[in-house]
Amino acid sequence: MKEIVAETVENLKAGKTILYPTDTIWGLGCDALNPDAIQEVYLLKERPKNKSFIVLVDSVPMLERYIQKIPEVCYDIIDLSAKPTTIIYDNPLQLPDILLAEDGSIGIRVTNDPFCKAVIQRFKKPIVSTSANISGAPNATCFDEIDPKIIKNVDYIAKWRTKEKMITPSAIIKIDSSANIQIIRK
């Protein structure tokens, strides 16, 4: 795994797009602080600009660098969720506008996946994570189901866990700065 992590990080540092296994399903991603790379992910995915992406971080301290005020309930959700859970936050910091939803919010998940965690720790920055499919098409449940167009046009493929079935997208919860909770996806 170490070699694939190192190659993935080198590609992220170079502003490249990546195809990689996450803690939920196969993802398309890039450096979450690089607007040009984010634009490339939009093009690869053929996704409308009004649909934002989520971001993966490796820890709560990294999350705290990118969210102005984290409601207390979020810490419990991060610690106690039985499945990977993406939380949509208000008032992000230091993230490019191209990454944000129309209302200025951002979805971020603290990943527990060993591969993703190792990549982010070595990269020292958050990464974009969106399902590895053409916008509107079904999610790929394994590497072999990823659209050949994506495989052909992505800059780098992290060939790790390519035979595993990965069928569960994350839960998504929106928590505003007043701690109002809205379940987007269970």
N, C-alpha and C. Protein backbone atom coordinates (compact mmCIF):
# COMPACT_ATOMS: atom_id res chain seq x y z
N MET A 1 0.81 -1.20 0.00
CA MET A 1 0.00 0.00 0.00
C MET A 1 0.86 1.26 0.00
N LYS A 2 2.02 1.22 0.65
CA LYS A 2 2.86 2.42 0.77
C LYS A 2 3.21 3.04 -0.58
N GLU A 3 3.54 2.20 -1.53
CA GLU A 3 3.92 2.70 -2.86
C GLU A 3 2.74 3.39 -3.56
N ILE A 4 1.56 2.80 -3.44
CA ILE A 4 0.37 3.39 -4.08
C ILE A 4 0.00 4.70 -3.38
N VAL A 5 0.14 4.75 -2.07
CA VAL A 5 -0.11 6.00 -1.34
C VAL A 5 0.85 7.07 -1.83
N ALA A 6 2.12 6.74 -1.94
CA ALA A 6 3.13 7.71 -2.39
C ALA A 6 2.83 8.21 -3.80
N GLU A 7 2.48 7.30 -4.70
CA GLU A 7 2.16 7.70 -6.08
C GLU A 7 0.91 8.59 -6.12
N THR A 8 -0.08 8.24 -5.32
CA THR A 8 -1.31 9.03 -5.26
C THR A 8 -1.01 10.45 -4.80
N VAL A 9 -0.21 10.57 -3.76
CA VAL A 9 0.15 11.89 -3.22
C VAL A 9 0.94 12.70 -4.25
N GLU A 10 1.86 12.07 -4.94
CA GLU A 10 2.63 12.79 -5.96
C GLU A 10 1.71 13.34 -7.05
N ASN A 11 0.72 12.58 -7.44
CA ASN A 11 -0.24 13.04 -8.44
C ASN A 11 -1.10 14.18 -7.90
N LEU A 12 -1.52 14.09 -6.65
CA LEU A 12 -2.27 15.18 -6.03
C LEU A 12 -1.44 16.46 -5.99
N LYS A 13 -0.18 16.33 -5.59
CA LYS A 13 0.71 17.50 -5.53
C LYS A 13 0.90 18.13 -6.90
N ALA A 14 0.85 17.33 -7.94
CA ALA A 14 1.03 17.82 -9.32
C ALA A 14 -0.27 18.38 -9.90
N GLY A 15 -1.33 18.42 -9.10
CA GLY A 15 -2.60 18.97 -9.58
C GLY A 15 -3.39 18.03 -10.46
N LYS A 16 -3.13 16.75 -10.36
CA LYS A 16 -3.79 15.75 -11.21
C LYS A 16 -5.10 15.26 -10.59
N THR A 17 -5.94 14.66 -11.44
CA THR A 17 -7.15 14.01 -10.97
C THR A 17 -6.83 12.56 -10.65
N ILE A 18 -7.54 12.02 -9.67
CA ILE A 18 -7.28 10.64 -9.25
C ILE A 18 -8.58 9.85 -9.18
N LEU A 19 -8.47 8.56 -9.40
CA LEU A 19 -9.55 7.59 -9.23
C LEU A 19 -9.07 6.67 -8.11
N TYR A 20 -9.87 6.56 -7.03
CA TYR A 20 -9.36 5.85 -5.86
C TYR A 20 -10.49 5.24 -5.03
N PRO A 21 -10.18 4.16 -4.27
CA PRO A 21 -11.17 3.56 -3.40
C PRO A 21 -11.30 4.40 -2.13
N THR A 22 -12.54 4.61 -1.69
CA THR A 22 -12.76 5.37 -0.46
C THR A 22 -13.34 4.45 0.60
N ASP A 23 -13.81 5.04 1.67
CA ASP A 23 -14.44 4.25 2.73
C ASP A 23 -15.89 3.90 2.38
N THR A 24 -16.35 4.34 1.20
CA THR A 24 -17.72 4.03 0.77
C THR A 24 -17.71 3.37 -0.60
N ILE A 25 -17.49 4.14 -1.65
CA ILE A 25 -17.46 3.64 -3.03
C ILE A 25 -16.23 4.21 -3.72
N TRP A 26 -15.98 3.78 -4.97
CA TRP A 26 -14.86 4.35 -5.72
C TRP A 26 -15.11 5.83 -5.95
N GLY A 27 -14.06 6.62 -5.81
CA GLY A 27 -14.19 8.06 -5.91
C GLY A 27 -13.29 8.67 -6.98
N LEU A 28 -13.75 9.81 -7.46
CA LEU A 28 -12.94 10.69 -8.30
C LEU A 28 -12.51 11.82 -7.40
N GLY A 29 -11.29 12.26 -7.52
CA GLY A 29 -10.86 13.32 -6.63
C GLY A 29 -9.66 14.08 -7.13
N CYS A 30 -9.23 14.99 -6.26
CA CYS A 30 -8.08 15.85 -6.53
C CYS A 30 -7.78 16.62 -5.25
N ASP A 31 -6.81 17.49 -5.33
CA ASP A 31 -6.48 18.42 -4.24
C ASP A 31 -7.67 19.35 -4.04
N ALA A 32 -8.26 19.35 -2.85
CA ALA A 32 -9.44 20.16 -2.58
C ALA A 32 -9.14 21.66 -2.52
N LEU A 33 -7.88 22.03 -2.58
CA LEU A 33 -7.52 23.46 -2.56
C LEU A 33 -7.09 23.96 -3.93
N ASN A 34 -7.19 23.11 -4.94
CA ASN A 34 -6.73 23.46 -6.29
C ASN A 34 -7.93 23.64 -7.23
N PRO A 35 -8.35 24.90 -7.48
CA PRO A 35 -9.53 25.14 -8.33
C PRO A 35 -9.41 24.55 -9.74
N ASP A 36 -8.22 24.56 -10.33
CA ASP A 36 -8.05 23.99 -11.67
C ASP A 36 -8.28 22.48 -11.67
N ALA A 37 -7.77 21.80 -10.65
CA ALA A 37 -7.98 20.35 -10.55
C ALA A 37 -9.46 20.04 -10.29
N ILE A 38 -10.10 20.85 -9.47
CA ILE A 38 -11.53 20.66 -9.19
C ILE A 38 -12.33 20.81 -10.48
N GLN A 39 -11.98 21.79 -11.29
CA GLN A 39 -12.63 22.00 -12.59
C GLN A 39 -12.48 20.75 -13.46
N GLU A 40 -11.33 20.13 -13.43
CA GLU A 40 -11.10 18.90 -14.20
C GLU A 40 -12.02 17.77 -13.73
N VAL A 41 -12.24 17.68 -12.43
CA VAL A 41 -13.14 16.64 -11.91
C VAL A 41 -14.57 16.90 -12.41
N TYR A 42 -14.99 18.17 -12.41
CA TYR A 42 -16.32 18.50 -12.96
C TYR A 42 -16.42 18.04 -14.41
N LEU A 43 -15.38 18.28 -15.19
CA LEU A 43 -15.39 17.89 -16.60
C LEU A 43 -15.41 16.37 -16.77
N LEU A 44 -14.58 15.67 -16.00
CA LEU A 44 -14.53 14.20 -16.06
C LEU A 44 -15.89 13.59 -15.74
N LYS A 45 -16.54 14.14 -14.75
CA LYS A 45 -17.80 13.60 -14.26
C LYS A 45 -19.00 14.10 -15.06
N GLU A 46 -18.76 15.14 -15.90
CA GLU A 46 -19.83 15.78 -16.67
C GLU A 46 -20.92 16.25 -15.71
N ARG A 47 -20.49 16.89 -14.66
CA ARG A 47 -21.39 17.32 -13.58
C ARG A 47 -21.72 18.80 -13.70
N PRO A 48 -22.98 19.18 -13.51
CA PRO A 48 -23.33 20.60 -13.53
C PRO A 48 -22.66 21.33 -12.36
N LYS A 49 -22.30 22.58 -12.59
CA LYS A 49 -21.59 23.37 -11.57
C LYS A 49 -22.43 23.64 -10.33
N ASN A 50 -23.75 23.52 -10.44
CA ASN A 50 -24.58 23.79 -9.27
C ASN A 50 -24.63 22.60 -8.30
N LYS A 51 -23.94 21.51 -8.63
CA LYS A 51 -23.86 20.36 -7.72
C LYS A 51 -22.43 20.29 -7.19
N SER A 52 -22.30 20.50 -5.92
CA SER A 52 -20.96 20.55 -5.32
C SER A 52 -20.42 19.15 -5.03
N PHE A 53 -19.16 19.11 -4.63
CA PHE A 53 -18.49 17.87 -4.25
C PHE A 53 -18.32 17.84 -2.74
N ILE A 54 -17.98 16.66 -2.22
CA ILE A 54 -17.60 16.58 -0.82
C ILE A 54 -16.08 16.50 -0.72
N VAL A 55 -15.62 16.63 0.49
CA VAL A 55 -14.20 16.64 0.78
C VAL A 55 -13.92 15.61 1.87
N LEU A 56 -12.79 14.95 1.76
CA LEU A 56 -12.35 14.03 2.81
C LEU A 56 -11.20 14.67 3.58
N VAL A 57 -11.23 14.53 4.90
CA VAL A 57 -10.12 14.93 5.76
C VAL A 57 -9.72 13.72 6.59
N ASP A 58 -8.54 13.77 7.16
CA ASP A 58 -8.04 12.61 7.91
C ASP A 58 -8.35 12.65 9.40
N SER A 59 -8.81 13.81 9.90
CA SER A 59 -8.97 13.95 11.34
C SER A 59 -9.83 15.15 11.69
N VAL A 60 -10.28 15.20 12.92
CA VAL A 60 -11.04 16.35 13.40
C VAL A 60 -10.15 17.61 13.40
N PRO A 61 -8.88 17.55 13.82
CA PRO A 61 -8.06 18.76 13.74
C PRO A 61 -7.96 19.33 12.30
N MET A 62 -7.88 18.45 11.29
CA MET A 62 -7.86 18.96 9.92
C MET A 62 -9.21 19.58 9.57
N LEU A 63 -10.30 18.95 9.98
CA LEU A 63 -11.63 19.51 9.76
C LEU A 63 -11.73 20.91 10.36
N GLU A 64 -11.22 21.09 11.56
CA GLU A 64 -11.30 22.37 12.26
C GLU A 64 -10.57 23.50 11.53
N ARG A 65 -9.63 23.15 10.67
CA ARG A 65 -8.92 24.19 9.88
C ARG A 65 -9.79 24.75 8.77
N TYR A 66 -10.85 24.01 8.39
CA TYR A 66 -11.64 24.40 7.22
C TYR A 66 -13.09 24.77 7.53
N ILE A 67 -13.47 24.69 8.80
CA ILE A 67 -14.83 25.08 9.19
C ILE A 67 -14.71 26.09 10.33
N GLN A 68 -15.39 27.23 10.14
CA GLN A 68 -15.29 28.32 11.10
C GLN A 68 -15.80 27.94 12.49
N LYS A 69 -17.00 27.34 12.53
CA LYS A 69 -17.58 26.94 13.82
C LYS A 69 -18.26 25.59 13.64
N ILE A 70 -17.73 24.59 14.30
CA ILE A 70 -18.30 23.25 14.21
C ILE A 70 -19.29 23.09 15.37
N PRO A 71 -20.58 22.86 15.05
CA PRO A 71 -21.54 22.61 16.13
C PRO A 71 -21.12 21.39 16.96
N GLU A 72 -21.31 21.47 18.27
CA GLU A 72 -20.88 20.40 19.18
C GLU A 72 -21.41 19.02 18.78
N VAL A 73 -22.65 18.96 18.30
CA VAL A 73 -23.25 17.68 17.94
C VAL A 73 -22.44 16.96 16.85
N CYS A 74 -21.73 17.71 16.04
CA CYS A 74 -20.94 17.10 14.97
C CYS A 74 -19.84 16.20 15.51
N TYR A 75 -19.24 16.58 16.62
CA TYR A 75 -18.18 15.76 17.22
C TYR A 75 -18.73 14.39 17.61
N ASP A 76 -19.93 14.37 18.17
CA ASP A 76 -20.55 13.09 18.54
C ASP A 76 -20.88 12.25 17.30
N ILE A 77 -21.39 12.89 16.28
CA ILE A 77 -21.72 12.17 15.04
C ILE A 77 -20.46 11.55 14.44
N ILE A 78 -19.38 12.33 14.40
CA ILE A 78 -18.12 11.82 13.86
C ILE A 78 -17.62 10.63 14.67
N ASP A 79 -17.69 10.74 15.97
CA ASP A 79 -17.19 9.67 16.85
C ASP A 79 -18.07 8.43 16.89
N LEU A 80 -19.40 8.62 16.79
CA LEU A 80 -20.32 7.52 17.09
C LEU A 80 -21.03 6.91 15.88
N SER A 81 -20.90 7.50 14.70
CA SER A 81 -21.62 6.97 13.53
C SER A 81 -21.16 5.56 13.20
N ALA A 82 -22.14 4.69 12.95
CA ALA A 82 -21.85 3.30 12.62
C ALA A 82 -21.38 3.15 11.18
N LYS A 83 -21.70 4.12 10.32
CA LYS A 83 -21.27 4.06 8.92
C LYS A 83 -20.64 5.40 8.55
N PRO A 84 -19.86 5.45 7.48
CA PRO A 84 -19.27 6.72 7.07
C PRO A 84 -20.36 7.78 6.89
N THR A 85 -20.12 8.94 7.49
CA THR A 85 -21.11 10.01 7.47
C THR A 85 -20.47 11.33 7.05
N THR A 86 -21.05 11.92 6.01
CA THR A 86 -20.62 13.22 5.53
C THR A 86 -21.51 14.27 6.19
N ILE A 87 -20.89 15.30 6.74
CA ILE A 87 -21.65 16.38 7.36
C ILE A 87 -21.48 17.62 6.50
N ILE A 88 -22.61 18.28 6.21
CA ILE A 88 -22.58 19.53 5.47
C ILE A 88 -22.55 20.67 6.48
N TYR A 89 -21.52 21.51 6.37
CA TYR A 89 -21.29 22.60 7.31
C TYR A 89 -21.49 23.95 6.64
N ASP A 90 -21.89 24.92 7.45
CA ASP A 90 -21.90 26.32 7.02
C ASP A 90 -20.51 26.91 7.31
N ASN A 91 -20.25 28.04 6.71
CA ASN A 91 -19.07 28.85 7.00
C ASN A 91 -17.72 28.15 6.84
N PRO A 92 -17.48 27.56 5.66
CA PRO A 92 -16.16 26.96 5.44
C PRO A 92 -15.08 28.04 5.33
N LEU A 93 -13.86 27.64 5.61
CA LEU A 93 -12.70 28.52 5.54
C LEU A 93 -11.69 27.99 4.54
N GLN A 94 -11.03 28.85 3.82
CA GLN A 94 -9.87 28.50 2.99
C GLN A 94 -10.15 27.51 1.87
N LEU A 95 -11.40 27.28 1.53
CA LEU A 95 -11.73 26.36 0.45
C LEU A 95 -12.16 27.17 -0.77
N PRO A 96 -11.75 26.77 -1.97
CA PRO A 96 -12.11 27.54 -3.16
C PRO A 96 -13.61 27.55 -3.42
N ASP A 97 -14.11 28.66 -3.93
CA ASP A 97 -15.53 28.83 -4.21
C ASP A 97 -16.08 27.73 -5.11
N ILE A 98 -15.29 27.25 -6.06
CA ILE A 98 -15.74 26.22 -7.01
C ILE A 98 -16.14 24.93 -6.28
N LEU A 99 -15.67 24.76 -5.07
CA LEU A 99 -15.94 23.56 -4.29
C LEU A 99 -17.22 23.65 -3.47
N LEU A 100 -17.69 24.87 -3.24
CA LEU A 100 -18.81 25.10 -2.34
C LEU A 100 -20.16 24.95 -3.03
N ALA A 101 -21.18 24.58 -2.24
CA ALA A 101 -22.56 24.54 -2.73
C ALA A 101 -23.03 25.98 -2.98
N GLU A 102 -24.15 26.11 -3.66
CA GLU A 102 -24.69 27.44 -3.97
C GLU A 102 -24.96 28.26 -2.71
N ASP A 103 -25.29 27.61 -1.60
CA ASP A 103 -25.54 28.34 -0.35
C ASP A 103 -24.27 28.59 0.45
N GLY A 104 -23.11 28.24 -0.12
CA GLY A 104 -21.82 28.47 0.53
C GLY A 104 -21.41 27.39 1.51
N SER A 105 -22.17 26.32 1.59
CA SER A 105 -21.84 25.23 2.52
C SER A 105 -20.90 24.23 1.85
N ILE A 106 -20.39 23.28 2.66
CA ILE A 106 -19.50 22.25 2.14
C ILE A 106 -19.73 20.95 2.91
N GLY A 107 -19.75 19.83 2.19
CA GLY A 107 -19.84 18.51 2.80
C GLY A 107 -18.45 17.96 3.06
N ILE A 108 -18.18 17.57 4.29
CA ILE A 108 -16.86 17.03 4.65
C ILE A 108 -17.06 15.76 5.47
N ARG A 109 -16.24 14.75 5.15
CA ARG A 109 -16.26 13.50 5.92
C ARG A 109 -14.87 13.25 6.48
N VAL A 110 -14.82 12.93 7.77
CA VAL A 110 -13.58 12.47 8.39
C VAL A 110 -13.49 10.99 8.08
N THR A 111 -12.55 10.62 7.25
CA THR A 111 -12.45 9.23 6.81
C THR A 111 -11.73 8.36 7.83
N ASN A 112 -12.20 7.13 7.93
CA ASN A 112 -11.51 6.14 8.75
C ASN A 112 -10.86 5.06 7.89
N ASP A 113 -11.02 5.19 6.58
CA ASP A 113 -10.44 4.22 5.67
C ASP A 113 -8.91 4.32 5.71
N PRO A 114 -8.21 3.20 5.94
CA PRO A 114 -6.74 3.26 6.07
C PRO A 114 -6.04 3.85 4.84
N PHE A 115 -6.50 3.51 3.62
CA PHE A 115 -5.86 4.04 2.42
C PHE A 115 -6.08 5.55 2.32
N CYS A 116 -7.33 5.99 2.41
CA CYS A 116 -7.62 7.43 2.30
C CYS A 116 -6.93 8.22 3.40
N LYS A 117 -6.96 7.69 4.60
CA LYS A 117 -6.32 8.36 5.74
C LYS A 117 -4.82 8.52 5.49
N ALA A 118 -4.17 7.47 4.99
CA ALA A 118 -2.73 7.52 4.72
C ALA A 118 -2.42 8.55 3.63
N VAL A 119 -3.25 8.59 2.58
CA VAL A 119 -3.04 9.56 1.50
C VAL A 119 -3.16 10.99 2.05
N ILE A 120 -4.22 11.26 2.78
CA ILE A 120 -4.47 12.61 3.28
C ILE A 120 -3.40 13.01 4.30
N GLN A 121 -3.01 12.10 5.17
CA GLN A 121 -1.96 12.41 6.15
C GLN A 121 -0.65 12.76 5.45
N ARG A 122 -0.31 12.03 4.42
CA ARG A 122 0.94 12.29 3.71
C ARG A 122 0.83 13.56 2.86
N PHE A 123 -0.35 13.81 2.29
CA PHE A 123 -0.59 14.99 1.45
C PHE A 123 -0.71 16.26 2.30
N LYS A 124 -1.21 16.09 3.52
CA LYS A 124 -1.38 17.18 4.48
C LYS A 124 -2.44 18.20 4.07
N LYS A 125 -3.35 17.77 3.20
CA LYS A 125 -4.46 18.63 2.76
C LYS A 125 -5.67 17.75 2.49
N PRO A 126 -6.86 18.35 2.50
CA PRO A 126 -8.07 17.58 2.17
C PRO A 126 -8.11 17.24 0.68
N ILE A 127 -8.88 16.20 0.35
CA ILE A 127 -9.05 15.83 -1.05
C ILE A 127 -10.53 15.79 -1.41
N VAL A 128 -10.81 16.08 -2.67
CA VAL A 128 -12.18 15.98 -3.20
C VAL A 128 -12.54 14.52 -3.31
N SER A 129 -13.80 14.22 -3.03
CA SER A 129 -14.30 12.86 -3.19
C SER A 129 -15.71 12.92 -3.76
N THR A 130 -15.87 12.41 -4.96
CA THR A 130 -17.19 12.30 -5.58
C THR A 130 -17.26 10.93 -6.23
N SER A 131 -18.45 10.39 -6.35
CA SER A 131 -18.59 9.05 -6.92
C SER A 131 -17.97 8.97 -8.31
N ALA A 132 -17.35 7.84 -8.59
CA ALA A 132 -16.64 7.64 -9.86
C ALA A 132 -17.61 7.18 -10.94
N ASN A 133 -18.51 8.08 -11.31
CA ASN A 133 -19.47 7.80 -12.37
C ASN A 133 -19.75 9.09 -13.14
N ILE A 134 -20.28 8.96 -14.33
CA ILE A 134 -20.74 10.12 -15.07
C ILE A 134 -21.99 10.62 -14.34
N SER A 135 -22.12 11.92 -14.19
CA SER A 135 -23.23 12.50 -13.45
C SER A 135 -24.57 11.93 -13.92
N GLY A 136 -25.36 11.44 -12.97
CA GLY A 136 -26.67 10.87 -13.29
C GLY A 136 -26.66 9.37 -13.51
N ALA A 137 -25.50 8.78 -13.77
CA ALA A 137 -25.39 7.33 -13.97
C ALA A 137 -25.31 6.64 -12.60
N PRO A 138 -25.63 5.35 -12.55
CA PRO A 138 -25.53 4.64 -11.27
C PRO A 138 -24.09 4.60 -10.75
N ASN A 139 -23.95 4.51 -9.44
CA ASN A 139 -22.62 4.37 -8.84
C ASN A 139 -22.02 3.02 -9.23
N ALA A 140 -20.74 3.02 -9.46
CA ALA A 140 -20.03 1.76 -9.71
C ALA A 140 -19.85 1.05 -8.37
N THR A 141 -20.21 -0.22 -8.31
CA THR A 141 -20.06 -0.96 -7.06
C THR A 141 -18.69 -1.63 -6.93
N CYS A 142 -17.93 -1.62 -8.02
CA CYS A 142 -16.57 -2.13 -7.99
C CYS A 142 -15.79 -1.47 -9.13
N PHE A 143 -14.50 -1.63 -9.12
CA PHE A 143 -13.66 -0.98 -10.11
C PHE A 143 -14.08 -1.33 -11.54
N ASP A 144 -14.42 -2.59 -11.77
CA ASP A 144 -14.76 -3.05 -13.12
C ASP A 144 -16.01 -2.39 -13.69
N GLU A 145 -16.83 -1.78 -12.84
CA GLU A 145 -18.05 -1.12 -13.30
C GLU A 145 -17.86 0.37 -13.59
N ILE A 146 -16.67 0.89 -13.35
CA ILE A 146 -16.43 2.32 -13.60
C ILE A 146 -16.44 2.56 -15.10
N ASP A 147 -17.12 3.62 -15.50
CA ASP A 147 -17.25 3.98 -16.92
C ASP A 147 -15.87 4.07 -17.56
N PRO A 148 -15.66 3.37 -18.70
CA PRO A 148 -14.37 3.41 -19.39
C PRO A 148 -13.92 4.83 -19.75
N LYS A 149 -14.87 5.71 -19.96
CA LYS A 149 -14.55 7.10 -20.28
C LYS A 149 -13.81 7.76 -19.10
N ILE A 150 -14.24 7.45 -17.89
CA ILE A 150 -13.56 7.99 -16.70
C ILE A 150 -12.17 7.38 -16.58
N ILE A 151 -12.10 6.07 -16.73
CA ILE A 151 -10.80 5.39 -16.61
C ILE A 151 -9.81 5.94 -17.64
N LYS A 152 -10.28 6.19 -18.85
CA LYS A 152 -9.41 6.69 -19.91
C LYS A 152 -8.93 8.12 -19.65
N ASN A 153 -9.80 8.96 -19.04
CA ASN A 153 -9.48 10.38 -18.93
C ASN A 153 -8.95 10.86 -17.59
N VAL A 154 -9.05 10.03 -16.55
CA VAL A 154 -8.50 10.43 -15.27
C VAL A 154 -6.97 10.38 -15.36
N ASP A 155 -6.30 11.23 -14.60
CA ASP A 155 -4.83 11.28 -14.69
C ASP A 155 -4.14 10.10 -14.01
N TYR A 156 -4.71 9.62 -12.90
CA TYR A 156 -4.04 8.56 -12.14
C TYR A 156 -5.09 7.64 -11.50
N ILE A 157 -4.83 6.35 -11.52
CA ILE A 157 -5.69 5.36 -10.88
C ILE A 157 -4.91 4.71 -9.74
N ALA A 158 -5.43 4.84 -8.53
CA ALA A 158 -4.84 4.18 -7.36
C ALA A 158 -5.36 2.75 -7.35
N LYS A 159 -4.57 1.83 -7.83
CA LYS A 159 -5.00 0.44 -7.96
C LYS A 159 -4.84 -0.29 -6.64
N TRP A 160 -5.81 -0.03 -5.78
CA TRP A 160 -5.85 -0.63 -4.45
C TRP A 160 -7.28 -1.11 -4.23
N ARG A 161 -7.47 -2.30 -3.80
CA ARG A 161 -8.80 -2.88 -3.54
C ARG A 161 -9.67 -2.88 -4.80
N THR A 162 -9.10 -3.18 -5.94
CA THR A 162 -9.85 -3.14 -7.21
C THR A 162 -10.85 -4.29 -7.35
N LYS A 163 -10.76 -5.31 -6.55
CA LYS A 163 -11.67 -6.45 -6.67
C LYS A 163 -12.80 -6.41 -5.64
N GLU A 164 -12.74 -5.49 -4.70
CA GLU A 164 -13.77 -5.41 -3.65
C GLU A 164 -15.04 -4.76 -4.16
N LYS A 165 -16.18 -5.27 -3.69
CA LYS A 165 -17.47 -4.62 -3.93
C LYS A 165 -17.60 -3.50 -2.90
N MET A 166 -17.99 -2.34 -3.38
CA MET A 166 -18.17 -1.16 -2.51
C MET A 166 -19.50 -0.54 -2.90
N ILE A 167 -20.53 -0.79 -2.11
CA ILE A 167 -21.87 -0.42 -2.57
C ILE A 167 -22.58 0.62 -1.70
N THR A 168 -21.95 1.09 -0.66
CA THR A 168 -22.66 1.95 0.27
C THR A 168 -22.12 3.37 0.27
N PRO A 169 -22.85 4.31 -0.35
CA PRO A 169 -22.46 5.71 -0.23
C PRO A 169 -22.60 6.15 1.23
N SER A 170 -21.97 7.24 1.58
CA SER A 170 -22.05 7.72 2.96
C SER A 170 -23.43 8.28 3.28
N ALA A 171 -23.74 8.29 4.56
CA ALA A 171 -24.89 9.05 5.03
C ALA A 171 -24.52 10.53 4.87
N ILE A 172 -25.51 11.38 4.64
CA ILE A 172 -25.25 12.82 4.53
C ILE A 172 -26.21 13.55 5.45
N ILE A 173 -25.64 14.36 6.32
CA ILE A 173 -26.42 15.14 7.28
C ILE A 173 -26.00 16.60 7.14
N LYS A 174 -26.97 17.50 7.08
CA LYS A 174 -26.67 18.93 7.05
C LYS A 174 -26.93 19.49 8.44
N ILE A 175 -25.91 20.13 8.99
CA ILE A 175 -26.03 20.75 10.31
C ILE A 175 -25.59 22.20 10.18
N ASP A 176 -26.53 23.10 10.38
CA ASP A 176 -26.17 24.52 10.23
C ASP A 176 -25.52 25.04 11.51
N SER A 177 -25.07 26.28 11.48
CA SER A 177 -24.33 26.82 12.62
C SER A 177 -25.19 26.97 13.87
N SER A 178 -26.52 26.85 13.74
CA SER A 178 -27.41 26.85 14.91
C SER A 178 -27.70 25.43 15.39
N ALA A 179 -27.02 24.46 14.82
CA ALA A 179 -27.14 23.03 15.15
C ALA A 179 -28.47 22.42 14.72
N ASN A 180 -29.15 23.03 13.75
CA ASN A 180 -30.34 22.41 13.17
C ASN A 180 -29.89 21.27 12.27
N ILE A 181 -30.52 20.11 12.40
CA ILE A 181 -30.09 18.91 11.69
C ILE A 181 -31.12 18.56 10.61
N GLN A 182 -30.60 18.27 9.41
CA GLN A 182 -31.44 17.80 8.30
C GLN A 182 -30.76 16.57 7.71
N ILE A 183 -31.45 15.45 7.67
CA ILE A 183 -30.90 14.23 7.08
C ILE A 183 -31.13 14.28 5.58
N ILE A 184 -30.05 14.26 4.80
CA ILE A 184 -30.10 14.31 3.35
C ILE A 184 -30.16 12.89 2.77
N ARG A 185 -29.30 12.01 3.31
CA ARG A 185 -29.28 10.61 2.86
C ARG A 185 -28.91 9.74 4.05
N LYS A 186 -29.72 8.70 4.28
CA LYS A 186 -29.46 7.78 5.41
C LYS A 186 -28.41 6.77 5.06
